[in-house]
Amino acid sequence: MDPNKHTPLRAVALVCTLSPSPAPSSSQLLAEQTMAALAEHGVTGKTVRIADHDVKPGVKTDMGDGDAWPDIRDTILGCDILILSTPIWLGHPSSIAQRVLERLNAEISETDDEGRPLTYGKAAAVCVVGNEDGAHKVGADLFQGLNDVGFSLAPHAVTYWVGEAMQKTDYQDLDKTPQKTAATTKTLAANTAHLARRLKAAPYPAS
């Protein structure tokens, strides 16, 4: 029996909707469903809607007075898994998702005593929603950015829903979650939790 199978894990989902709370958000909904799927694998955590916080532009860990990122960063560093959830806007991740990646860029130079970025032991995954084409492209953009700053991604580490183009139906408007999206979310959760436990048990070698 795998002794690491039930190792407790923590996750945080950064929701990159452009709408602050309490506005409904499809990105928030899919992130919460992903967190619920992770909970089935012994993962606890929370969601953070970035639009509710003053995350300043920049590529440093702390951009000074009033910057909310240092507290969010502390949450990320205290977790084993990072979920990034974004809508599609004009075929791209939201500007808030891009800002999150820009702030995470600072982690490249933040290393442990053996020269490894602090993100090296963490897994990441992506949620994408929209009513226009582009889910694969958005996932690819976020995968590359997350990998660049040190996160590891499991197979099938993206779940998404894309509605009919040029229509007004959002993911949150559906009567029930489509079976394919639900199944993909479950696979994301299983594979990401598995990878996070492997990373926790066997860190990458020192740089």
N, C-alpha and C. Protein backbone atom coordinates (compact mmCIF):
# COMPACT_ATOMS: atom_id res chain seq x y z
N MET A 1 0.84 -1.20 0.00
CA MET A 1 0.00 0.00 0.00
C MET A 1 0.88 1.24 0.00
N ASP A 2 0.53 2.22 -0.82
CA ASP A 2 1.31 3.45 -0.91
C ASP A 2 1.20 4.23 0.39
N PRO A 3 2.31 4.44 1.13
CA PRO A 3 2.23 5.15 2.41
C PRO A 3 1.91 6.63 2.25
N ASN A 4 2.08 7.16 1.04
CA ASN A 4 1.82 8.59 0.82
C ASN A 4 0.41 8.87 0.30
N LYS A 5 -0.35 7.80 0.09
CA LYS A 5 -1.65 7.96 -0.56
C LYS A 5 -2.58 8.90 0.20
N HIS A 6 -2.47 8.91 1.53
CA HIS A 6 -3.39 9.71 2.33
C HIS A 6 -2.70 10.90 3.00
N THR A 7 -1.52 11.28 2.51
CA THR A 7 -0.85 12.47 3.03
C THR A 7 -1.74 13.69 2.84
N PRO A 8 -2.05 14.43 3.92
CA PRO A 8 -2.90 15.62 3.76
C PRO A 8 -2.23 16.65 2.86
N LEU A 9 -3.03 17.29 2.02
CA LEU A 9 -2.54 18.32 1.12
C LEU A 9 -3.41 19.57 1.25
N ARG A 10 -2.81 20.71 0.90
CA ARG A 10 -3.57 21.96 0.88
C ARG A 10 -3.50 22.57 -0.51
N ALA A 11 -4.59 23.24 -0.88
CA ALA A 11 -4.66 23.88 -2.19
C ALA A 11 -5.28 25.26 -2.06
N VAL A 12 -4.92 26.13 -2.99
CA VAL A 12 -5.59 27.42 -3.09
C VAL A 12 -5.95 27.63 -4.56
N ALA A 13 -7.16 28.10 -4.80
CA ALA A 13 -7.61 28.43 -6.15
C ALA A 13 -7.69 29.94 -6.29
N LEU A 14 -6.92 30.49 -7.19
CA LEU A 14 -6.97 31.92 -7.47
C LEU A 14 -7.95 32.14 -8.62
N VAL A 15 -9.04 32.81 -8.31
CA VAL A 15 -10.11 33.04 -9.29
C VAL A 15 -9.86 34.38 -9.97
N CYS A 16 -9.71 34.35 -11.29
CA CYS A 16 -9.28 35.54 -12.03
C CYS A 16 -10.39 36.17 -12.85
N THR A 17 -11.64 36.04 -12.38
CA THR A 17 -12.74 36.78 -12.98
C THR A 17 -12.45 38.28 -12.87
N LEU A 18 -13.00 39.04 -13.80
CA LEU A 18 -12.86 40.50 -13.72
C LEU A 18 -13.85 41.11 -12.74
N SER A 19 -14.81 40.32 -12.28
CA SER A 19 -15.88 40.84 -11.43
C SER A 19 -15.59 40.59 -9.95
N PRO A 20 -15.56 41.65 -9.14
CA PRO A 20 -15.39 41.45 -7.70
C PRO A 20 -16.65 40.86 -7.08
N SER A 21 -16.49 40.31 -5.88
CA SER A 21 -17.65 39.79 -5.14
C SER A 21 -18.58 40.95 -4.80
N PRO A 22 -19.90 40.72 -4.70
CA PRO A 22 -20.56 39.41 -4.72
C PRO A 22 -21.09 39.01 -6.09
N ALA A 23 -20.61 39.61 -7.15
CA ALA A 23 -21.11 39.27 -8.49
C ALA A 23 -20.91 37.78 -8.76
N PRO A 24 -21.90 37.11 -9.34
CA PRO A 24 -21.72 35.70 -9.69
C PRO A 24 -20.61 35.54 -10.70
N SER A 25 -19.96 34.39 -10.70
CA SER A 25 -18.80 34.18 -11.55
C SER A 25 -18.71 32.72 -11.96
N SER A 26 -18.64 32.47 -13.25
CA SER A 26 -18.45 31.11 -13.74
C SER A 26 -17.07 30.58 -13.38
N SER A 27 -16.07 31.46 -13.39
CA SER A 27 -14.72 31.06 -12.99
C SER A 27 -14.69 30.63 -11.53
N GLN A 28 -15.44 31.34 -10.69
CA GLN A 28 -15.54 30.98 -9.28
C GLN A 28 -16.21 29.61 -9.13
N LEU A 29 -17.29 29.41 -9.88
CA LEU A 29 -18.03 28.15 -9.79
C LEU A 29 -17.15 26.96 -10.17
N LEU A 30 -16.44 27.05 -11.29
CA LEU A 30 -15.61 25.93 -11.71
C LEU A 30 -14.44 25.71 -10.74
N ALA A 31 -13.91 26.79 -10.19
CA ALA A 31 -12.86 26.65 -9.18
C ALA A 31 -13.38 25.93 -7.94
N GLU A 32 -14.58 26.30 -7.51
CA GLU A 32 -15.16 25.64 -6.32
C GLU A 32 -15.45 24.17 -6.60
N GLN A 33 -15.90 23.85 -7.81
CA GLN A 33 -16.13 22.45 -8.16
C GLN A 33 -14.82 21.67 -8.18
N THR A 34 -13.76 22.32 -8.64
CA THR A 34 -12.45 21.68 -8.65
C THR A 34 -11.95 21.45 -7.23
N MET A 35 -12.15 22.41 -6.35
CA MET A 35 -11.75 22.24 -4.95
C MET A 35 -12.54 21.11 -4.31
N ALA A 36 -13.82 21.00 -4.66
CA ALA A 36 -14.64 19.91 -4.12
C ALA A 36 -14.13 18.56 -4.62
N ALA A 37 -13.72 18.50 -5.88
CA ALA A 37 -13.16 17.25 -6.42
C ALA A 37 -11.84 16.92 -5.75
N LEU A 38 -11.03 17.92 -5.46
CA LEU A 38 -9.76 17.69 -4.75
C LEU A 38 -10.01 17.19 -3.34
N ALA A 39 -11.09 17.67 -2.72
CA ALA A 39 -11.40 17.25 -1.35
C ALA A 39 -11.60 15.74 -1.27
N GLU A 40 -12.05 15.12 -2.35
CA GLU A 40 -12.22 13.67 -2.38
C GLU A 40 -10.89 12.94 -2.32
N HIS A 41 -9.80 13.68 -2.50
CA HIS A 41 -8.46 13.10 -2.46
C HIS A 41 -7.66 13.64 -1.27
N GLY A 42 -8.37 14.07 -0.24
CA GLY A 42 -7.70 14.51 0.98
C GLY A 42 -7.06 15.88 0.90
N VAL A 43 -7.58 16.73 0.01
CA VAL A 43 -7.03 18.08 -0.16
C VAL A 43 -8.00 19.10 0.42
N THR A 44 -7.49 19.96 1.29
CA THR A 44 -8.29 21.06 1.84
C THR A 44 -7.74 22.38 1.32
N GLY A 45 -8.52 23.44 1.48
CA GLY A 45 -8.03 24.74 1.03
C GLY A 45 -9.15 25.74 0.83
N LYS A 46 -8.89 26.74 0.01
CA LYS A 46 -9.86 27.81 -0.17
C LYS A 46 -9.68 28.44 -1.55
N THR A 47 -10.66 29.27 -1.93
CA THR A 47 -10.57 30.06 -3.15
C THR A 47 -10.32 31.52 -2.77
N VAL A 48 -9.61 32.21 -3.61
CA VAL A 48 -9.35 33.64 -3.44
C VAL A 48 -9.72 34.34 -4.74
N ARG A 49 -10.69 35.26 -4.68
CA ARG A 49 -11.06 36.01 -5.88
C ARG A 49 -10.16 37.24 -5.95
N ILE A 50 -9.26 37.25 -6.92
CA ILE A 50 -8.23 38.28 -6.99
C ILE A 50 -8.83 39.68 -7.13
N ALA A 51 -9.95 39.80 -7.82
CA ALA A 51 -10.57 41.12 -8.01
C ALA A 51 -11.03 41.75 -6.70
N ASP A 52 -11.12 40.95 -5.64
CA ASP A 52 -11.50 41.49 -4.33
C ASP A 52 -10.31 42.08 -3.58
N HIS A 53 -9.13 42.00 -4.16
CA HIS A 53 -7.91 42.42 -3.48
C HIS A 53 -7.10 43.36 -4.36
N ASP A 54 -6.36 44.25 -3.75
CA ASP A 54 -5.56 45.22 -4.48
C ASP A 54 -4.20 44.61 -4.82
N VAL A 55 -4.20 43.77 -5.85
CA VAL A 55 -2.95 43.18 -6.31
C VAL A 55 -2.34 44.15 -7.33
N LYS A 56 -1.26 44.76 -6.95
CA LYS A 56 -0.67 45.81 -7.77
C LYS A 56 0.13 45.21 -8.93
N PRO A 57 0.25 45.96 -10.03
CA PRO A 57 1.07 45.47 -11.15
C PRO A 57 2.54 45.45 -10.77
N GLY A 58 3.27 44.52 -11.37
CA GLY A 58 4.70 44.45 -11.10
C GLY A 58 5.20 43.02 -11.14
N VAL A 59 6.50 42.87 -10.97
CA VAL A 59 7.11 41.54 -11.01
C VAL A 59 7.98 41.31 -9.77
N LYS A 60 7.57 41.91 -8.65
CA LYS A 60 8.25 41.69 -7.38
C LYS A 60 7.31 40.98 -6.42
N THR A 61 7.86 40.36 -5.38
CA THR A 61 7.02 39.71 -4.39
C THR A 61 6.21 40.70 -3.58
N ASP A 62 6.67 41.94 -3.49
CA ASP A 62 5.96 42.97 -2.73
C ASP A 62 6.15 44.30 -3.45
N MET A 63 5.03 44.88 -3.91
CA MET A 63 5.10 46.14 -4.64
C MET A 63 4.82 47.35 -3.75
N GLY A 64 4.91 47.15 -2.44
CA GLY A 64 4.85 48.29 -1.54
C GLY A 64 3.49 48.54 -0.91
N ASP A 65 3.31 49.73 -0.41
CA ASP A 65 2.17 50.11 0.41
C ASP A 65 0.84 49.73 -0.23
N GLY A 66 0.05 48.95 0.50
CA GLY A 66 -1.29 48.58 0.05
C GLY A 66 -1.34 47.35 -0.85
N ASP A 67 -0.22 46.80 -1.24
CA ASP A 67 -0.21 45.64 -2.13
C ASP A 67 -0.73 44.41 -1.40
N ALA A 68 -1.74 43.78 -1.97
CA ALA A 68 -2.34 42.59 -1.34
C ALA A 68 -1.61 41.30 -1.71
N TRP A 69 -0.70 41.36 -2.66
CA TRP A 69 -0.07 40.13 -3.13
C TRP A 69 0.74 39.40 -2.05
N PRO A 70 1.50 40.10 -1.19
CA PRO A 70 2.30 39.35 -0.20
C PRO A 70 1.48 38.36 0.63
N ASP A 71 0.28 38.74 1.04
CA ASP A 71 -0.56 37.82 1.81
C ASP A 71 -1.03 36.66 0.94
N ILE A 72 -1.39 36.94 -0.31
CA ILE A 72 -1.81 35.88 -1.23
C ILE A 72 -0.63 34.96 -1.51
N ARG A 73 0.54 35.53 -1.69
CA ARG A 73 1.75 34.73 -1.91
C ARG A 73 2.01 33.81 -0.73
N ASP A 74 1.84 34.31 0.49
CA ASP A 74 2.04 33.47 1.67
C ASP A 74 1.09 32.26 1.64
N THR A 75 -0.14 32.51 1.19
CA THR A 75 -1.10 31.41 1.08
C THR A 75 -0.63 30.39 0.05
N ILE A 76 -0.16 30.86 -1.10
CA ILE A 76 0.34 29.95 -2.14
C ILE A 76 1.50 29.12 -1.62
N LEU A 77 2.45 29.79 -0.95
CA LEU A 77 3.64 29.08 -0.46
C LEU A 77 3.29 28.10 0.65
N GLY A 78 2.16 28.31 1.32
CA GLY A 78 1.72 27.38 2.36
C GLY A 78 0.92 26.22 1.83
N CYS A 79 0.74 26.17 0.51
CA CYS A 79 -0.06 25.10 -0.11
C CYS A 79 0.80 24.18 -0.96
N ASP A 80 0.23 23.05 -1.30
CA ASP A 80 0.89 22.08 -2.18
C ASP A 80 0.40 22.18 -3.61
N ILE A 81 -0.78 22.79 -3.78
CA ILE A 81 -1.41 22.86 -5.10
C ILE A 81 -1.94 24.27 -5.34
N LEU A 82 -1.69 24.79 -6.54
CA LEU A 82 -2.25 26.06 -6.98
C LEU A 82 -3.18 25.81 -8.16
N ILE A 83 -4.42 26.30 -8.02
CA ILE A 83 -5.38 26.26 -9.12
C ILE A 83 -5.56 27.68 -9.64
N LEU A 84 -5.44 27.85 -10.93
CA LEU A 84 -5.66 29.16 -11.55
C LEU A 84 -6.90 29.05 -12.42
N SER A 85 -7.93 29.85 -12.10
CA SER A 85 -9.20 29.78 -12.80
C SER A 85 -9.48 31.11 -13.51
N THR A 86 -9.73 31.04 -14.81
CA THR A 86 -9.88 32.27 -15.59
C THR A 86 -11.01 32.17 -16.60
N PRO A 87 -11.65 33.29 -16.90
CA PRO A 87 -12.53 33.34 -18.07
C PRO A 87 -11.69 33.56 -19.32
N ILE A 88 -12.31 33.37 -20.47
CA ILE A 88 -11.70 33.72 -21.76
C ILE A 88 -12.21 35.09 -22.16
N TRP A 89 -11.29 35.99 -22.45
CA TRP A 89 -11.66 37.30 -22.97
C TRP A 89 -10.84 37.57 -24.23
N LEU A 90 -11.54 37.76 -25.37
CA LEU A 90 -10.89 38.03 -26.64
C LEU A 90 -9.86 36.94 -26.98
N GLY A 91 -10.20 35.71 -26.61
CA GLY A 91 -9.33 34.58 -26.93
C GLY A 91 -8.14 34.41 -26.01
N HIS A 92 -8.08 35.16 -24.92
CA HIS A 92 -6.93 35.13 -24.02
C HIS A 92 -7.38 34.94 -22.58
N PRO A 93 -6.46 34.59 -21.67
CA PRO A 93 -6.78 34.61 -20.24
C PRO A 93 -7.14 36.04 -19.84
N SER A 94 -7.85 36.20 -18.74
CA SER A 94 -8.18 37.55 -18.28
C SER A 94 -6.92 38.33 -17.93
N SER A 95 -7.04 39.64 -17.93
CA SER A 95 -5.91 40.50 -17.55
C SER A 95 -5.49 40.22 -16.11
N ILE A 96 -6.43 39.80 -15.28
CA ILE A 96 -6.09 39.48 -13.89
C ILE A 96 -5.25 38.21 -13.83
N ALA A 97 -5.57 37.22 -14.66
CA ALA A 97 -4.75 36.01 -14.71
C ALA A 97 -3.33 36.35 -15.16
N GLN A 98 -3.23 37.24 -16.12
CA GLN A 98 -1.90 37.65 -16.58
C GLN A 98 -1.14 38.37 -15.46
N ARG A 99 -1.85 39.17 -14.69
CA ARG A 99 -1.19 39.86 -13.57
C ARG A 99 -0.69 38.86 -12.53
N VAL A 100 -1.48 37.83 -12.26
CA VAL A 100 -1.05 36.79 -11.32
C VAL A 100 0.24 36.14 -11.81
N LEU A 101 0.30 35.81 -13.11
CA LEU A 101 1.53 35.23 -13.64
C LEU A 101 2.70 36.19 -13.52
N GLU A 102 2.45 37.46 -13.76
CA GLU A 102 3.52 38.45 -13.65
C GLU A 102 4.04 38.54 -12.21
N ARG A 103 3.13 38.48 -11.25
CA ARG A 103 3.57 38.52 -9.85
C ARG A 103 4.31 37.23 -9.47
N LEU A 104 3.86 36.09 -10.03
CA LEU A 104 4.53 34.83 -9.76
C LEU A 104 5.93 34.79 -10.38
N ASN A 105 6.18 35.64 -11.37
CA ASN A 105 7.49 35.67 -12.01
C ASN A 105 8.61 35.93 -11.00
N ALA A 106 8.28 36.62 -9.91
CA ALA A 106 9.30 36.91 -8.89
C ALA A 106 9.82 35.64 -8.24
N GLU A 107 9.06 34.55 -8.31
CA GLU A 107 9.47 33.31 -7.64
C GLU A 107 10.70 32.67 -8.27
N ILE A 108 11.02 33.06 -9.50
CA ILE A 108 12.19 32.49 -10.16
C ILE A 108 13.46 32.76 -9.35
N SER A 109 13.50 33.92 -8.68
CA SER A 109 14.70 34.29 -7.92
C SER A 109 14.57 34.05 -6.42
N GLU A 110 13.43 33.50 -5.99
CA GLU A 110 13.23 33.18 -4.57
C GLU A 110 13.50 31.69 -4.37
N THR A 111 14.64 31.36 -3.80
CA THR A 111 15.06 29.96 -3.74
C THR A 111 15.28 29.48 -2.31
N ASP A 112 15.30 28.14 -2.18
CA ASP A 112 15.59 27.54 -0.88
C ASP A 112 17.10 27.43 -0.69
N ASP A 113 17.53 26.79 0.37
CA ASP A 113 18.96 26.70 0.69
C ASP A 113 19.75 25.90 -0.33
N GLU A 114 19.04 25.12 -1.16
CA GLU A 114 19.72 24.31 -2.17
C GLU A 114 19.53 24.86 -3.58
N GLY A 115 19.05 26.11 -3.66
CA GLY A 115 18.96 26.77 -4.95
C GLY A 115 17.72 26.49 -5.76
N ARG A 116 16.72 25.84 -5.16
CA ARG A 116 15.49 25.54 -5.88
C ARG A 116 14.44 26.62 -5.62
N PRO A 117 13.75 27.09 -6.66
CA PRO A 117 12.63 27.99 -6.42
C PRO A 117 11.63 27.37 -5.45
N LEU A 118 10.99 28.20 -4.64
CA LEU A 118 10.07 27.71 -3.62
C LEU A 118 8.84 27.04 -4.22
N THR A 119 8.61 27.26 -5.50
CA THR A 119 7.47 26.65 -6.20
C THR A 119 7.76 25.25 -6.71
N TYR A 120 9.01 24.82 -6.65
CA TYR A 120 9.39 23.54 -7.27
C TYR A 120 8.64 22.34 -6.68
N GLY A 121 8.26 22.40 -5.44
CA GLY A 121 7.58 21.27 -4.83
C GLY A 121 6.07 21.31 -4.95
N LYS A 122 5.56 22.19 -5.81
CA LYS A 122 4.12 22.41 -5.88
C LYS A 122 3.56 22.03 -7.25
N ALA A 123 2.35 21.50 -7.23
CA ALA A 123 1.63 21.20 -8.47
C ALA A 123 0.66 22.33 -8.78
N ALA A 124 0.32 22.46 -10.04
CA ALA A 124 -0.64 23.47 -10.46
C ALA A 124 -1.62 22.87 -11.47
N ALA A 125 -2.77 23.51 -11.59
CA ALA A 125 -3.77 23.10 -12.57
C ALA A 125 -4.58 24.34 -12.95
N VAL A 126 -5.38 24.20 -14.00
CA VAL A 126 -6.03 25.34 -14.62
C VAL A 126 -7.51 25.06 -14.86
N CYS A 127 -8.35 26.07 -14.64
CA CYS A 127 -9.78 26.04 -14.98
C CYS A 127 -10.05 27.17 -15.97
N VAL A 128 -10.81 26.88 -17.01
CA VAL A 128 -11.11 27.89 -18.04
C VAL A 128 -12.59 27.84 -18.38
N VAL A 129 -13.21 29.01 -18.44
CA VAL A 129 -14.62 29.09 -18.84
C VAL A 129 -14.81 30.23 -19.82
N GLY A 130 -15.80 30.08 -20.69
CA GLY A 130 -16.10 31.17 -21.62
C GLY A 130 -17.18 30.76 -22.59
N ASN A 131 -17.71 31.75 -23.33
CA ASN A 131 -18.66 31.43 -24.39
C ASN A 131 -18.11 31.91 -25.73
N GLU A 132 -16.81 31.63 -25.88
CA GLU A 132 -16.14 31.82 -27.16
C GLU A 132 -15.02 30.78 -27.25
N ASP A 133 -14.51 30.54 -28.43
CA ASP A 133 -13.46 29.56 -28.61
C ASP A 133 -12.18 30.03 -27.91
N GLY A 134 -11.31 29.07 -27.60
CA GLY A 134 -10.01 29.45 -27.06
C GLY A 134 -9.58 28.74 -25.80
N ALA A 135 -10.33 27.74 -25.33
CA ALA A 135 -9.99 27.09 -24.06
C ALA A 135 -8.62 26.43 -24.13
N HIS A 136 -8.29 25.78 -25.24
CA HIS A 136 -6.99 25.12 -25.35
C HIS A 136 -5.86 26.16 -25.39
N LYS A 137 -6.09 27.24 -26.10
CA LYS A 137 -5.07 28.28 -26.19
C LYS A 137 -4.83 28.94 -24.83
N VAL A 138 -5.91 29.22 -24.12
CA VAL A 138 -5.79 29.83 -22.79
C VAL A 138 -5.09 28.86 -21.83
N GLY A 139 -5.48 27.58 -21.88
CA GLY A 139 -4.82 26.59 -21.05
C GLY A 139 -3.34 26.52 -21.36
N ALA A 140 -2.98 26.56 -22.64
CA ALA A 140 -1.57 26.50 -23.03
C ALA A 140 -0.80 27.70 -22.50
N ASP A 141 -1.39 28.88 -22.60
CA ASP A 141 -0.74 30.10 -22.09
C ASP A 141 -0.46 29.97 -20.59
N LEU A 142 -1.45 29.52 -19.84
CA LEU A 142 -1.30 29.43 -18.39
C LEU A 142 -0.36 28.29 -18.01
N PHE A 143 -0.42 27.17 -18.72
CA PHE A 143 0.50 26.06 -18.46
C PHE A 143 1.95 26.53 -18.60
N GLN A 144 2.23 27.23 -19.70
CA GLN A 144 3.60 27.67 -19.94
C GLN A 144 4.07 28.63 -18.85
N GLY A 145 3.20 29.59 -18.49
CA GLY A 145 3.57 30.54 -17.45
C GLY A 145 3.80 29.88 -16.11
N LEU A 146 2.92 28.97 -15.73
CA LEU A 146 3.06 28.27 -14.45
C LEU A 146 4.32 27.41 -14.43
N ASN A 147 4.60 26.75 -15.55
CA ASN A 147 5.81 25.93 -15.62
C ASN A 147 7.06 26.81 -15.57
N ASP A 148 7.02 27.95 -16.23
CA ASP A 148 8.17 28.86 -16.22
C ASP A 148 8.56 29.30 -14.82
N VAL A 149 7.56 29.47 -13.95
CA VAL A 149 7.86 29.96 -12.60
C VAL A 149 8.00 28.82 -11.59
N GLY A 150 8.04 27.57 -12.07
CA GLY A 150 8.44 26.48 -11.20
C GLY A 150 7.40 25.47 -10.80
N PHE A 151 6.14 25.64 -11.21
CA PHE A 151 5.11 24.67 -10.85
C PHE A 151 5.17 23.47 -11.79
N SER A 152 4.72 22.32 -11.28
CA SER A 152 4.62 21.11 -12.08
C SER A 152 3.16 20.84 -12.42
N LEU A 153 2.93 20.28 -13.60
CA LEU A 153 1.57 20.03 -14.06
C LEU A 153 1.40 18.56 -14.40
N ALA A 154 0.34 17.98 -13.87
CA ALA A 154 0.04 16.57 -14.13
C ALA A 154 -0.62 16.42 -15.51
N PRO A 155 -0.73 15.20 -16.01
CA PRO A 155 -1.51 14.98 -17.23
C PRO A 155 -2.97 15.43 -17.01
N HIS A 156 -3.54 16.03 -18.02
CA HIS A 156 -4.93 16.49 -17.98
C HIS A 156 -5.17 17.46 -16.83
N ALA A 157 -4.25 18.41 -16.66
CA ALA A 157 -4.35 19.36 -15.54
C ALA A 157 -5.14 20.61 -15.91
N VAL A 158 -6.10 20.47 -16.81
CA VAL A 158 -6.98 21.58 -17.14
C VAL A 158 -8.41 21.05 -17.28
N THR A 159 -9.34 21.79 -16.71
CA THR A 159 -10.76 21.50 -16.92
C THR A 159 -11.39 22.76 -17.48
N TYR A 160 -12.37 22.58 -18.36
CA TYR A 160 -12.94 23.78 -19.00
C TYR A 160 -14.35 23.52 -19.50
N TRP A 161 -15.01 24.63 -19.74
CA TRP A 161 -16.31 24.62 -20.41
C TRP A 161 -16.33 25.82 -21.34
N VAL A 162 -16.74 25.59 -22.58
CA VAL A 162 -16.88 26.66 -23.56
C VAL A 162 -18.26 26.56 -24.18
N GLY A 163 -19.04 27.62 -24.05
CA GLY A 163 -20.38 27.63 -24.62
C GLY A 163 -20.37 28.04 -26.08
N GLU A 164 -21.56 28.09 -26.64
CA GLU A 164 -21.70 28.46 -28.05
C GLU A 164 -21.19 29.89 -28.27
N ALA A 165 -20.42 30.06 -29.31
CA ALA A 165 -19.83 31.37 -29.59
C ALA A 165 -20.91 32.42 -29.83
N MET A 166 -20.63 33.63 -29.35
CA MET A 166 -21.48 34.80 -29.56
C MET A 166 -22.86 34.65 -28.93
N GLN A 167 -22.96 33.79 -27.91
CA GLN A 167 -24.21 33.65 -27.16
C GLN A 167 -23.99 34.11 -25.73
N LYS A 168 -25.05 34.24 -24.97
CA LYS A 168 -24.96 34.84 -23.64
C LYS A 168 -25.03 33.83 -22.50
N THR A 169 -25.13 32.55 -22.81
CA THR A 169 -25.20 31.55 -21.75
C THR A 169 -23.83 31.36 -21.12
N ASP A 170 -23.75 31.52 -19.80
CA ASP A 170 -22.51 31.30 -19.06
C ASP A 170 -22.57 29.93 -18.38
N TYR A 171 -21.42 29.47 -17.96
CA TYR A 171 -21.33 28.19 -17.25
C TYR A 171 -22.25 28.18 -16.03
N GLN A 172 -22.29 29.30 -15.31
CA GLN A 172 -23.10 29.38 -14.10
C GLN A 172 -24.60 29.37 -14.40
N ASP A 173 -24.97 29.57 -15.66
CA ASP A 173 -26.38 29.59 -16.04
C ASP A 173 -26.92 28.19 -16.36
N LEU A 174 -26.05 27.21 -16.47
CA LEU A 174 -26.49 25.87 -16.85
C LEU A 174 -27.31 25.23 -15.73
N ASP A 175 -28.28 24.42 -16.12
CA ASP A 175 -29.10 23.73 -15.13
C ASP A 175 -28.30 22.69 -14.36
N LYS A 176 -27.34 22.06 -15.03
CA LYS A 176 -26.47 21.10 -14.36
C LYS A 176 -25.11 21.10 -15.06
N THR A 177 -24.12 20.63 -14.35
CA THR A 177 -22.77 20.57 -14.91
C THR A 177 -22.71 19.51 -16.00
N PRO A 178 -22.21 19.85 -17.18
CA PRO A 178 -22.10 18.84 -18.24
C PRO A 178 -21.23 17.67 -17.79
N GLN A 179 -21.63 16.47 -18.17
CA GLN A 179 -20.93 15.26 -17.72
C GLN A 179 -19.46 15.29 -18.11
N LYS A 180 -19.14 15.76 -19.30
CA LYS A 180 -17.75 15.78 -19.75
C LYS A 180 -16.90 16.72 -18.89
N THR A 181 -17.44 17.88 -18.56
CA THR A 181 -16.70 18.80 -17.71
C THR A 181 -16.51 18.22 -16.32
N ALA A 182 -17.56 17.62 -15.77
CA ALA A 182 -17.46 17.02 -14.44
C ALA A 182 -16.41 15.91 -14.42
N ALA A 183 -16.39 15.09 -15.48
CA ALA A 183 -15.42 13.99 -15.54
C ALA A 183 -14.01 14.53 -15.67
N THR A 184 -13.84 15.58 -16.46
CA THR A 184 -12.52 16.17 -16.63
C THR A 184 -12.03 16.79 -15.32
N THR A 185 -12.93 17.42 -14.59
CA THR A 185 -12.57 18.00 -13.29
C THR A 185 -12.12 16.92 -12.32
N LYS A 186 -12.80 15.78 -12.32
CA LYS A 186 -12.41 14.67 -11.44
C LYS A 186 -11.02 14.13 -11.81
N THR A 187 -10.75 14.05 -13.11
CA THR A 187 -9.43 13.58 -13.54
C THR A 187 -8.35 14.57 -13.14
N LEU A 188 -8.62 15.85 -13.35
CA LEU A 188 -7.67 16.89 -12.92
C LEU A 188 -7.35 16.72 -11.43
N ALA A 189 -8.38 16.55 -10.63
CA ALA A 189 -8.19 16.47 -9.18
C ALA A 189 -7.37 15.23 -8.81
N ALA A 190 -7.70 14.09 -9.38
CA ALA A 190 -6.99 12.86 -9.06
C ALA A 190 -5.52 12.94 -9.45
N ASN A 191 -5.25 13.41 -10.66
CA ASN A 191 -3.87 13.46 -11.14
C ASN A 191 -3.05 14.53 -10.42
N THR A 192 -3.67 15.66 -10.14
CA THR A 192 -2.94 16.74 -9.49
C THR A 192 -2.62 16.39 -8.04
N ALA A 193 -3.56 15.79 -7.33
CA ALA A 193 -3.30 15.35 -5.96
C ALA A 193 -2.20 14.29 -5.94
N HIS A 194 -2.26 13.38 -6.91
CA HIS A 194 -1.23 12.34 -6.99
C HIS A 194 0.15 12.96 -7.20
N LEU A 195 0.26 13.90 -8.13
CA LEU A 195 1.54 14.56 -8.40
C LEU A 195 2.02 15.34 -7.19
N ALA A 196 1.12 16.07 -6.54
CA ALA A 196 1.51 16.86 -5.37
C ALA A 196 2.08 15.97 -4.26
N ARG A 197 1.49 14.80 -4.08
CA ARG A 197 2.01 13.88 -3.05
C ARG A 197 3.38 13.33 -3.45
N ARG A 198 3.57 13.08 -4.72
CA ARG A 198 4.87 12.60 -5.17
C ARG A 198 5.94 13.68 -4.96
N LEU A 199 5.60 14.91 -5.27
CA LEU A 199 6.56 16.00 -5.09
C LEU A 199 6.90 16.21 -3.62
N LYS A 200 5.88 16.03 -2.78
CA LYS A 200 6.10 16.20 -1.34
C LYS A 200 7.03 15.11 -0.81
N ALA A 201 6.87 13.90 -1.32
CA ALA A 201 7.66 12.76 -0.85
C ALA A 201 9.06 12.74 -1.45
N ALA A 202 9.19 13.24 -2.68
CA ALA A 202 10.48 13.17 -3.39
C ALA A 202 10.73 14.47 -4.13
N PRO A 203 11.30 15.48 -3.46
CA PRO A 203 11.55 16.79 -4.10
C PRO A 203 12.50 16.67 -5.28
N TYR A 204 12.42 17.64 -6.15
CA TYR A 204 13.37 17.72 -7.26
C TYR A 204 14.78 17.90 -6.72
N PRO A 205 15.79 17.47 -7.49
CA PRO A 205 17.17 17.63 -7.02
C PRO A 205 17.58 19.10 -6.93
N ALA A 206 18.58 19.36 -6.11
CA ALA A 206 19.07 20.73 -5.96
C ALA A 206 19.63 21.26 -7.27
N SER A 207 19.47 22.54 -7.49
CA SER A 207 19.98 23.16 -8.73
C SER A 207 21.49 23.36 -8.64
